[in-house]
Amino acid sequence: MANSLRGEVAFEALGATYTLVFDFNALVDLEEEFDIEASRLGDILQSGRAGNLRRVFRIGLARFHAGITDAQAGDVISVLGPQRAGELIAEAFTKAFPKAEAASGSARPPKARAGTR
């Protein structure tokens, strides 16, 4: 069962349950796969290249589906559709890094209350 508190997203395809997750190790794998910094990963998905979507999806599946190939990840995407696959990636990233989403409001720490240090 997927643990959404750890950024895991479960879904059904091809008669099986898959779990997609973008933890720290997946981020490192993405940086190495695309030779870019993690902050630019959105550019990869917005490139419109199907191969990029498939590679990102495979890396997200790799933690719980060891040995999955690009072709197998592509088979799953074929069933889901590229749009749904992209939605699952976005959901997994949002769940994995919820503080990054909340931090977009203000980077300032809260002020200390009077009499505390």
Protein backbone atom coordinates (compact mmCIF):
# COMPACT_ATOMS: atom_id res chain seq x y z
CA MET A 1 0.00 0.00 0.00
CA ALA A 2 1.33 3.44 -0.94
CA ASN A 3 2.31 5.78 1.87
CA SER A 4 1.25 9.27 0.74
CA LEU A 5 3.20 10.82 3.61
CA ARG A 6 6.35 9.54 1.92
CA GLY A 7 5.30 10.84 -1.47
CA GLU A 8 4.12 7.49 -2.77
CA VAL A 9 1.29 7.37 -5.29
CA ALA A 10 -0.38 4.05 -6.10
CA PHE A 11 -2.33 3.38 -9.29
CA GLU A 12 -3.67 0.43 -11.27
CA ALA A 13 -2.56 -0.48 -14.78
CA LEU A 14 -2.14 -3.66 -16.81
CA GLY A 15 -3.83 -5.68 -14.07
CA ALA A 16 -1.28 -4.70 -11.41
CA THR A 17 -0.80 -2.06 -8.74
CA TYR A 18 2.14 0.28 -9.28
CA THR A 19 3.70 2.76 -6.87
CA LEU A 20 5.35 5.92 -8.10
CA VAL A 21 7.67 7.87 -5.79
CA PHE A 22 10.22 10.64 -6.20
CA ASP A 23 12.36 10.39 -3.08
CA PHE A 24 15.89 11.74 -2.71
CA ASN A 25 17.42 8.78 -4.55
CA ALA A 26 15.03 9.29 -7.46
CA LEU A 27 16.02 12.96 -7.63
CA VAL A 28 19.66 11.99 -7.86
CA ASP A 29 18.82 9.47 -10.58
CA LEU A 30 16.90 12.14 -12.50
CA GLU A 31 19.79 14.61 -12.22
CA GLU A 32 22.20 11.98 -13.52
CA GLU A 33 19.86 10.73 -16.25
CA PHE A 34 19.27 14.20 -17.67
CA ASP A 35 22.54 15.86 -16.55
CA ILE A 36 20.69 18.79 -14.96
CA GLU A 37 20.01 20.18 -11.49
CA ALA A 38 16.83 19.08 -9.73
CA SER A 39 15.44 22.62 -9.93
CA ARG A 40 15.24 22.24 -13.73
CA LEU A 41 13.36 18.94 -13.82
CA GLY A 42 10.14 20.71 -14.80
CA ASP A 43 11.84 21.77 -18.03
CA ILE A 44 12.34 18.12 -18.93
CA LEU A 45 8.64 17.30 -18.67
CA GLN A 46 7.58 20.48 -20.41
CA SER A 47 9.84 19.73 -23.36
CA GLY A 48 7.02 17.72 -24.92
CA ARG A 49 9.35 14.80 -25.67
CA ALA A 50 7.66 11.45 -25.07
CA GLY A 51 11.00 9.83 -24.26
CA ASN A 52 11.56 12.26 -21.40
CA LEU A 53 8.15 11.47 -19.90
CA ARG A 54 8.87 7.75 -20.16
CA ARG A 55 12.32 8.06 -18.49
CA VAL A 56 10.99 10.20 -15.63
CA PHE A 57 8.12 7.74 -15.12
CA ARG A 58 10.54 4.78 -15.06
CA ILE A 59 12.73 6.45 -12.46
CA GLY A 60 9.68 7.18 -10.33
CA LEU A 61 8.65 3.51 -10.49
CA ALA A 62 12.13 2.06 -9.89
CA ARG A 63 12.07 2.08 -6.07
CA PHE A 64 9.15 -0.35 -5.85
CA HIS A 65 9.52 -2.02 -9.24
CA ALA A 66 13.21 -2.86 -9.44
CA GLY A 67 14.53 -3.58 -12.88
CA ILE A 68 11.69 -1.86 -14.72
CA THR A 69 12.80 -0.86 -18.20
CA ASP A 70 11.94 2.17 -20.29
CA ALA A 71 9.85 -0.07 -22.53
CA GLN A 72 7.87 -1.44 -19.57
CA ALA A 73 7.29 2.08 -18.24
CA GLY A 74 6.13 3.01 -21.73
CA ASP A 75 3.66 0.12 -21.72
CA VAL A 76 2.16 1.47 -18.49
CA ILE A 77 1.97 4.99 -19.97
CA SER A 78 0.29 3.56 -23.08
CA VAL A 79 -2.51 2.24 -20.89
CA LEU A 80 -2.78 5.35 -18.70
CA GLY A 81 -2.22 7.92 -21.41
CA PRO A 82 0.50 10.57 -21.31
CA GLN A 83 -1.68 13.15 -19.60
CA ARG A 84 -2.57 10.82 -16.71
CA ALA A 85 1.06 9.74 -16.39
CA GLY A 86 2.06 13.40 -16.12
CA GLU A 87 -0.63 13.98 -13.49
CA LEU A 88 0.70 11.05 -11.43
CA ILE A 89 4.24 12.41 -11.65
CA ALA A 90 3.04 15.83 -10.50
CA GLU A 91 1.08 14.28 -7.63
CA ALA A 92 4.09 12.24 -6.49
CA PHE A 93 6.38 15.29 -6.58
CA THR A 94 3.86 17.39 -4.65
CA LYS A 95 3.45 14.70 -2.00
CA ALA A 96 7.20 14.11 -1.75
CA PHE A 97 8.00 17.79 -1.25
CA PRO A 98 4.98 19.47 0.38
CA LYS A 99 7.13 22.05 2.17
CA ALA A 100 8.49 23.30 -1.14
CA GLU A 101 4.91 23.99 -2.19
CA ALA A 102 4.14 25.83 1.07
CA ALA A 103 7.43 27.75 1.00
CA SER A 104 6.42 29.62 -2.11
CA GLY A 105 4.47 32.03 0.12
CA SER A 106 7.24 33.33 2.37
CA ALA A 107 10.78 32.26 3.06
CA ARG A 108 10.96 34.18 6.34
CA PRO A 109 10.89 32.20 9.59
CA PRO A 110 8.15 33.11 12.06
CA LYS A 111 9.00 35.88 14.52
CA ALA A 112 9.84 34.88 18.08
CA ARG A 113 7.22 35.78 20.67
CA ALA A 114 8.10 38.36 23.29
CA GLY A 115 10.06 36.88 26.16
CA THR A 116 11.33 33.83 24.22
CA ARG A 117 14.65 33.17 22.55
